[in-house]
C-alpha atoms as a PDB file:
ATOM      1  CA  UNK A   1     134.197  89.373  98.941  1.00  0.00           C
ATOM      2  CA  UNK A   2     130.544  88.590  99.680  1.00  0.00           C
ATOM      3  CA  UNK A   3     129.777  85.297 101.400  1.00  0.00           C
ATOM      4  CA  UNK A   4     127.412  83.341  99.163  1.00  0.00           C
ATOM      5  CA  UNK A   5     124.935  81.195 101.123  1.00  0.00           C
ATOM      6  CA  UNK A   6     124.219  77.546 100.433  1.00  0.00           C
ATOM      7  CA  UNK A   7     120.532  76.750 100.025  1.00  0.00           C
ATOM      8  CA  UNK A   8     118.939  73.418 100.919  1.00  0.00           C
ATOM      9  CA  UNK A   9     115.774  71.638  99.845  1.00  0.00           C
ATOM     10  CA  UNK A  10     114.345  70.855  96.435  1.00  0.00           C
ATOM     11  CA  UNK A  11     115.452  72.836  93.365  1.00  0.00           C
ATOM     12  CA  UNK A  12     112.220  74.849  93.620  1.00  0.00           C
ATOM     13  CA  UNK A  13     112.888  75.636  97.277  1.00  0.00           C
ATOM     14  CA  UNK A  14     116.503  76.540  96.560  1.00  0.00           C
ATOM     15  CA  UNK A  15     115.527  78.972  93.798  1.00  0.00           C
ATOM     16  CA  UNK A  16     112.853  80.542  95.997  1.00  0.00           C
ATOM     17  CA  UNK A  17     115.352  81.002  98.833  1.00  0.00           C
ATOM     18  CA  UNK A  18     117.952  82.410  96.436  1.00  0.00           C
ATOM     19  CA  UNK A  19     115.536  84.970  94.976  1.00  0.00           C
ATOM     20  CA  UNK A  20     114.492  86.090  98.475  1.00  0.00           C
ATOM     21  CA  UNK A  21     118.130  86.450  99.510  1.00  0.00           C
ATOM     22  CA  UNK A  22     119.022  88.501  96.428  1.00  0.00           C
ATOM     23  CA  UNK A  23     115.937  90.719  96.786  1.00  0.00           C
ATOM     24  CA  UNK A  24     116.923  91.435 100.389  1.00  0.00           C
ATOM     25  CA  UNK A  25     120.575  92.034  99.395  1.00  0.00           C
ATOM     26  CA  UNK A  26     119.610  94.512  96.647  1.00  0.00           C
ATOM     27  CA  UNK A  27     116.882  96.636  98.265  1.00  0.00           C
ATOM     28  CA  UNK A  28     117.643  99.849  96.384  1.00  0.00           C
ATOM     29  CA  UNK A  29     118.073 101.114  92.843  1.00  0.00           C
ATOM     30  CA  UNK A  30     120.374 103.662  91.237  1.00  0.00           C
ATOM     31  CA  UNK A  31     118.946 106.397  89.022  1.00  0.00           C
ATOM     32  CA  UNK A  32     119.713 106.649  85.341  1.00  0.00           C
ATOM     33  CA  UNK A  33     123.049 108.376  86.010  1.00  0.00           C
ATOM     34  CA  UNK A  34     124.236 104.917  87.003  1.00  0.00           C
ATOM     35  CA  UNK A  35     123.916 103.770  83.391  1.00  0.00           C
ATOM     36  CA  UNK A  36     127.553 104.709  82.923  1.00  0.00           C
ATOM     37  CA  UNK A  37     128.223 101.555  84.960  1.00  0.00           C
ATOM     38  CA  UNK A  38     125.941  99.447  82.767  1.00  0.00           C
ATOM     39  CA  UNK A  39     127.439  95.967  82.512  1.00  0.00           C
ATOM     40  CA  UNK A  40     130.754  96.990  84.079  1.00  0.00           C
ATOM     41  CA  UNK A  41     130.134  95.884  87.679  1.00  0.00           C
ATOM     42  CA  UNK A  42     130.974  92.400  88.920  1.00  0.00           C
ATOM     43  CA  UNK A  43     128.589  90.257  90.943  1.00  0.00           C
ATOM     44  CA  UNK A  44     130.542  91.084  94.101  1.00  0.00           C
ATOM     45  CA  UNK A  45     130.436  94.823  93.320  1.00  0.00           C
ATOM     46  CA  UNK A  46     126.681  94.752  92.677  1.00  0.00           C
ATOM     47  CA  UNK A  47     126.060  92.920  95.963  1.00  0.00           C
ATOM     48  CA  UNK A  48     128.401  95.204  97.879  1.00  0.00           C
ATOM     49  CA  UNK A  49     126.591  98.299  96.563  1.00  0.00           C
ATOM     50  CA  UNK A  50     123.160  96.903  97.487  1.00  0.00           C
ATOM     51  CA  UNK A  51     121.751  98.579  94.374  1.00  0.00           C
ATOM     52  CA  UNK A  52     120.659  97.714  90.840  1.00  0.00           C
ATOM     53  CA  UNK A  53     120.357 100.094  87.909  1.00  0.00           C
ATOM     54  CA  UNK A  54     116.749 101.247  87.749  1.00  0.00           C
ATOM     55  CA  UNK A  55     116.554 100.927  83.952  1.00  0.00           C
ATOM     56  CA  UNK A  56     118.599  97.709  83.710  1.00  0.00           C
ATOM     57  CA  UNK A  57     117.686  95.828  86.869  1.00  0.00           C
ATOM     58  CA  UNK A  58     117.167  92.699  84.777  1.00  0.00           C
ATOM     59  CA  UNK A  59     120.875  92.552  83.855  1.00  0.00           C
ATOM     60  CA  UNK A  60     122.169  93.193  87.377  1.00  0.00           C
ATOM     61  CA  UNK A  61     119.749  90.736  88.992  1.00  0.00           C
ATOM     62  CA  UNK A  62     120.299  88.052  86.348  1.00  0.00           C
ATOM     63  CA  UNK A  63     124.035  88.340  86.962  1.00  0.00           C
ATOM     64  CA  UNK A  64     123.690  88.017  90.736  1.00  0.00           C
ATOM     65  CA  UNK A  65     120.961  85.344  90.877  1.00  0.00           C
ATOM     66  CA  UNK A  66     122.667  83.307  88.166  1.00  0.00           C
ATOM     67  CA  UNK A  67     126.045  83.481  89.916  1.00  0.00           C
ATOM     68  CA  UNK A  68     124.551  82.480  93.278  1.00  0.00           C
ATOM     69  CA  UNK A  69     122.655  79.546  91.767  1.00  0.00           C
ATOM     70  CA  UNK A  70     125.814  78.468  89.935  1.00  0.00           C
ATOM     71  CA  UNK A  71     127.579  78.287  93.312  1.00  0.00           C
ATOM     72  CA  UNK A  72     124.679  76.119  94.514  1.00  0.00           C
ATOM     73  CA  UNK A  73     125.121  73.485  91.826  1.00  0.00           C
ATOM     74  CA  UNK A  74     122.652  74.671  89.191  1.00  0.00           C
ATOM     75  CA  UNK A  75     123.330  74.684  85.471  1.00  0.00           C
ATOM     76  CA  UNK A  76     122.549  78.285  84.553  1.00  0.00           C
ATOM     77  CA  UNK A  77     122.351  80.192  81.273  1.00  0.00           C
ATOM     78  CA  UNK A  78     121.748  83.915  80.978  1.00  0.00           C
ATOM     79  CA  UNK A  79     119.292  84.758  78.216  1.00  0.00           C
ATOM     80  CA  UNK A  80     119.263  87.968  76.218  1.00  0.00           C
ATOM     81  CA  UNK A  81     116.113  88.917  74.322  1.00  0.00           C
ATOM     82  CA  UNK A  82     115.942  91.704  71.765  1.00  0.00           C
ATOM     83  CA  UNK A  83     112.931  93.872  72.602  1.00  0.00           C
ATOM     84  CA  UNK A  84     111.039  95.511  69.758  1.00  0.00           C
ATOM     85  CA  UNK A  85     107.996  97.770  69.716  1.00  0.00           C
ATOM     86  CA  UNK A  86     106.241  98.304  66.381  1.00  0.00           C
ATOM     87  CA  UNK A  87     109.155  96.391  64.770  1.00  0.00           C
ATOM     88  CA  UNK A  88     111.679  98.898  66.136  1.00  0.00           C
ATOM     89  CA  UNK A  89     114.446  97.670  68.511  1.00  0.00           C
ATOM     90  CA  UNK A  90     114.324  99.411  71.888  1.00  0.00           C
ATOM     91  CA  UNK A  91     116.829  97.396  73.924  1.00  0.00           C
ATOM     92  CA  UNK A  92     117.476  93.997  75.465  1.00  0.00           C
ATOM     93  CA  UNK A  93     115.886  92.102  78.345  1.00  0.00           C
ATOM     94  CA  UNK A  94     117.878  89.604  80.399  1.00  0.00           C
ATOM     95  CA  UNK A  95     116.597  86.532  82.241  1.00  0.00           C
ATOM     96  CA  UNK A  96     117.857  83.097  83.313  1.00  0.00           C
ATOM     97  CA  UNK A  97     117.330  79.463  82.390  1.00  0.00           C
ATOM     98  CA  UNK A  98     118.234  77.103  85.230  1.00  0.00           C
ATOM     99  CA  UNK A  99     118.367  73.338  85.474  1.00  0.00           C
ATOM    100  CA  UNK A 100     118.946  70.914  88.322  1.00  0.00           C
ATOM    101  CA  UNK A 101     117.878  67.291  88.753  1.00  0.00           C
ATOM    102  CA  UNK A 102     116.200  67.436  85.312  1.00  0.00           C
ATOM    103  CA  UNK A 103     113.950  70.270  86.503  1.00  0.00           C
ATOM    104  CA  UNK A 104     113.919  73.394  84.338  1.00  0.00           C
ATOM    105  CA  UNK A 105     113.088  76.931  85.467  1.00  0.00           C
ATOM    106  CA  UNK A 106     112.946  80.401  83.951  1.00  0.00           C
ATOM    107  CA  UNK A 107     113.823  83.276  86.276  1.00  0.00           C
ATOM    108  CA  UNK A 108     112.718  86.683  85.023  1.00  0.00           C
ATOM    109  CA  UNK A 109     114.160  89.529  87.142  1.00  0.00           C
ATOM    110  CA  UNK A 110     112.799  93.069  87.067  1.00  0.00           C
ATOM    111  CA  UNK A 111     113.852  96.111  89.067  1.00  0.00           C
ATOM    112  CA  UNK A 112     111.058  95.750  91.646  1.00  0.00           C
ATOM    113  CA  UNK A 113     110.265  92.030  91.429  1.00  0.00           C
ATOM    114  CA  UNK A 114     111.483  88.649  90.190  1.00  0.00           C
ATOM    115  CA  UNK A 115     109.242  86.047  88.559  1.00  0.00           C
ATOM    116  CA  UNK A 116     109.961  82.299  88.561  1.00  0.00           C
ATOM    117  CA  UNK A 117     108.163  79.860  86.255  1.00  0.00           C
ATOM    118  CA  UNK A 118     108.620  76.182  85.425  1.00  0.00           C
ATOM    119  CA  UNK A 119     110.099  75.319  82.047  1.00  0.00           C
ATOM    120  CA  UNK A 120     111.738  77.495  79.423  1.00  0.00           C
ATOM    121  CA  UNK A 121     110.192  80.162  77.236  1.00  0.00           C
ATOM    122  CA  UNK A 122     109.929  80.078  73.429  1.00  0.00           C
ATOM    123  CA  UNK A 123     112.516  81.879  71.305  1.00  0.00           C
ATOM    124  CA  UNK A 124     109.948  84.481  70.235  1.00  0.00           C
ATOM    125  CA  UNK A 125     107.161  85.718  72.482  1.00  0.00           C
ATOM    126  CA  UNK A 126     104.921  88.708  73.021  1.00  0.00           C
ATOM    127  CA  UNK A 127     104.467  90.522  76.306  1.00  0.00           C
ATOM    128  CA  UNK A 128     104.635  93.812  78.114  1.00  0.00           C
ATOM    129  CA  UNK A 129     107.562  95.835  79.331  1.00  0.00           C
ATOM    130  CA  UNK A 130     106.985  98.119  82.293  1.00  0.00           C
ATOM    131  CA  UNK A 131     109.138 101.039  83.295  1.00  0.00           C
ATOM    132  CA  UNK A 132     108.957 102.378  86.846  1.00  0.00           C
ATOM    133  CA  UNK A 133     105.676 104.245  87.391  1.00  0.00           C
ATOM    134  CA  UNK A 134     104.505 103.691  83.793  1.00  0.00           C
ATOM    135  CA  UNK A 135     101.903 101.352  82.362  1.00  0.00           C
ATOM    136  CA  UNK A 136     102.891  98.211  80.472  1.00  0.00           C
ATOM    137  CA  UNK A 137     103.632  98.514  76.772  1.00  0.00           C
ATOM    138  CA  UNK A 138     103.084  95.743  74.236  1.00  0.00           C
ATOM    139  CA  UNK A 139     106.402  94.514  72.847  1.00  0.00           C
ATOM    140  CA  UNK A 140     107.946  91.478  71.191  1.00  0.00           C
ATOM    141  CA  UNK A 141     110.805  89.520  72.769  1.00  0.00           C
ATOM    142  CA  UNK A 142     113.192  87.570  70.524  1.00  0.00           C
ATOM    143  CA  UNK A 143     116.004  85.446  71.919  1.00  0.00           C
ATOM    144  CA  UNK A 144     119.355  86.554  70.528  1.00  0.00           C
ATOM    145  CA  UNK A 145     121.758  85.380  73.232  1.00  0.00           C
ATOM    146  CA  UNK A 146     122.205  82.326  75.465  1.00  0.00           C
ATOM    147  CA  UNK A 147     125.411  82.138  77.495  1.00  0.00           C
ATOM    148  CA  UNK A 148     126.332  79.610  80.158  1.00  0.00           C
ATOM    149  CA  UNK A 149     127.340  81.271  83.406  1.00  0.00           C
ATOM    150  CA  UNK A 150     130.942  80.298  84.254  1.00  0.00           C
ATOM    151  CA  UNK A 151     132.133  79.033  87.621  1.00  0.00           C
ATOM    152  CA  UNK A 152     134.153  82.212  88.284  1.00  0.00           C
ATOM    153  CA  UNK A 153     131.222  84.547  87.561  1.00  0.00           C
ATOM    154  CA  UNK A 154     131.435  86.246  90.967  1.00  0.00           C
ATOM    155  CA  UNK A 155     134.492  88.152  89.764  1.00  0.00           C
ATOM    156  CA  UNK A 156     133.303  88.826  86.208  1.00  0.00           C
ATOM    157  CA  UNK A 157     131.413  91.891  85.028  1.00  0.00           C
ATOM    158  CA  UNK A 158     127.745  91.577  84.135  1.00  0.00           C
ATOM    159  CA  UNK A 159     128.562  91.862  80.427  1.00  0.00           C
ATOM    160  CA  UNK A 160     131.218  89.155  80.729  1.00  0.00           C
ATOM    161  CA  UNK A 161     128.756  86.864  82.511  1.00  0.00           C
ATOM    162  CA  UNK A 162     126.323  87.441  79.643  1.00  0.00           C
ATOM    163  CA  UNK A 163     128.995  86.651  77.071  1.00  0.00           C
ATOM    164  CA  UNK A 164     129.183  90.250  75.823  1.00  0.00           C
ATOM    165  CA  UNK A 165     132.386  92.192  75.188  1.00  0.00           C
ATOM    166  CA  UNK A 166     130.994  95.572  76.223  1.00  0.00           C
ATOM    167  CA  UNK A 167     128.433  98.265  75.415  1.00  0.00           C
ATOM    168  CA  UNK A 168     129.129  98.163  71.672  1.00  0.00           C
ATOM    169  CA  UNK A 169     128.569  94.426  71.655  1.00  0.00           C
ATOM    170  CA  UNK A 170     125.342  94.969  73.601  1.00  0.00           C
ATOM    171  CA  UNK A 171     124.135  97.429  70.951  1.00  0.00           C
ATOM    172  CA  UNK A 172     125.176  95.065  68.149  1.00  0.00           C
ATOM    173  CA  UNK A 173     123.410  92.013  69.568  1.00  0.00           C
ATOM    174  CA  UNK A 174     120.275  93.895  70.614  1.00  0.00           C
ATOM    175  CA  UNK A 175     120.346  96.017  67.443  1.00  0.00           C
ATOM    176  CA  UNK A 176     119.775  99.062  69.619  1.00  0.00           C
ATOM    177  CA  UNK A 177     120.430 102.217  67.558  1.00  0.00           C
ATOM    178  CA  UNK A 178     123.140 104.508  68.916  1.00  0.00           C
ATOM    179  CA  UNK A 179     120.609 107.349  69.178  1.00  0.00           C
ATOM    180  CA  UNK A 180     118.351 105.199  71.373  1.00  0.00           C
ATOM    181  CA  UNK A 181     121.273 104.091  73.550  1.00  0.00           C
ATOM    182  CA  UNK A 182     122.495 107.665  74.038  1.00  0.00           C
ATOM    183  CA  UNK A 183     118.961 108.664  74.976  1.00  0.00           C
ATOM    184  CA  UNK A 184     119.008 106.049  77.729  1.00  0.00           C
ATOM    185  CA  UNK A 185     122.389 107.267  78.946  1.00  0.00           C
ATOM    186  CA  UNK A 186     121.217 110.885  78.947  1.00  0.00           C
ATOM    187  CA  UNK A 187     117.905 110.168  80.682  1.00  0.00           C
ATOM    188  CA  UNK A 188     117.395 111.015  84.330  1.00  0.00           C
ATOM    189  CA  UNK A 189     115.262 109.638  87.140  1.00  0.00           C
ATOM    190  CA  UNK A 190     114.114 112.306  89.581  1.00  0.00           C
ATOM    191  CA  UNK A 191     114.977 111.918  93.298  1.00  0.00           C
ATOM    192  CA  UNK A 192     111.247 111.565  94.014  1.00  0.00           C
ATOM    193  CA  UNK A 193     110.879 108.661  91.582  1.00  0.00           C
ATOM    194  CA  UNK A 194     113.992 106.982  92.989  1.00  0.00           C
ATOM    195  CA  UNK A 195     112.577 107.245  96.522  1.00  0.00           C
ATOM    196  CA  UNK A 196     109.234 105.791  95.405  1.00  0.00           C
ATOM    197  CA  UNK A 197     110.943 102.918  93.620  1.00  0.00           C
ATOM    198  CA  UNK A 198     113.080 102.103  96.658  1.00  0.00           C
ATOM    199  CA  UNK A 199     109.998 102.132  98.907  1.00  0.00           C
ATOM    200  CA  UNK A 200     108.305  99.594  96.621  1.00  0.00           C
ATOM    201  CA  UNK A 201     111.363  97.334  96.751  1.00  0.00           C
ATOM    202  CA  UNK A 202     111.664  97.672 100.531  1.00  0.00           C
ATOM    203  CA  UNK A 203     108.023  96.736 101.123  1.00  0.00           C
ATOM    204  CA  UNK A 204     108.330  93.756  98.799  1.00  0.00           C
ATOM    205  CA  UNK A 205     111.491  92.574 100.574  1.00  0.00           C
ATOM    206  CA  UNK A 206     109.681  92.830 103.919  1.00  0.00           C
ATOM    207  CA  UNK A 207     106.773  90.732 102.596  1.00  0.00           C
ATOM    208  CA  UNK A 208     109.159  88.103 101.256  1.00  0.00           C
ATOM    209  CA  UNK A 209     111.025  87.905 104.583  1.00  0.00           C
ATOM    210  CA  UNK A 210     107.776  87.128 106.416  1.00  0.00           C
ATOM    211  CA  UNK A 211     106.918  84.153 104.185  1.00  0.00           C
END
């Protein structure tokens, strides 16, 4: 069992401290072979491994950050957005909506960074999705899931925290075609790319620790 810290200060300061703690606790990423574990690890297991899935860091980090903030008295919902490019579904992106003392925040985790903004995002928005070492691609995000994180989330799998029953439910909600999902499962990240990605995360964690 991982000891979850208690953060002090304003809600903004608590979220900032939480994000820094999680970034430091998860300094590495697992290559695409780890997709077999997609959604099946609990918050405690993710923290114990010190790694997030390189292609689904948003789910792992949303699970961990959301669970930690829940333990610190925040009202937290995990958000699932269907991602489409040229009107074709390509997967789902996960983020968080947090509230404390009538202050609202959106936390948007990625494999190498985590963004925090005030307020909540619209149900449909346009943006870019960036894979490791690739340029951003224009996509559309559409909210299809909003699930309140339960008090016992530390011992629940990432899919359970998100209110999903498993991989089939993920594909159903995100409307990800089976062919696309199998392509993700079969994909591979080279050892060189994994090393580069981990170096980026390590340098960012070092910068955050100095602030």
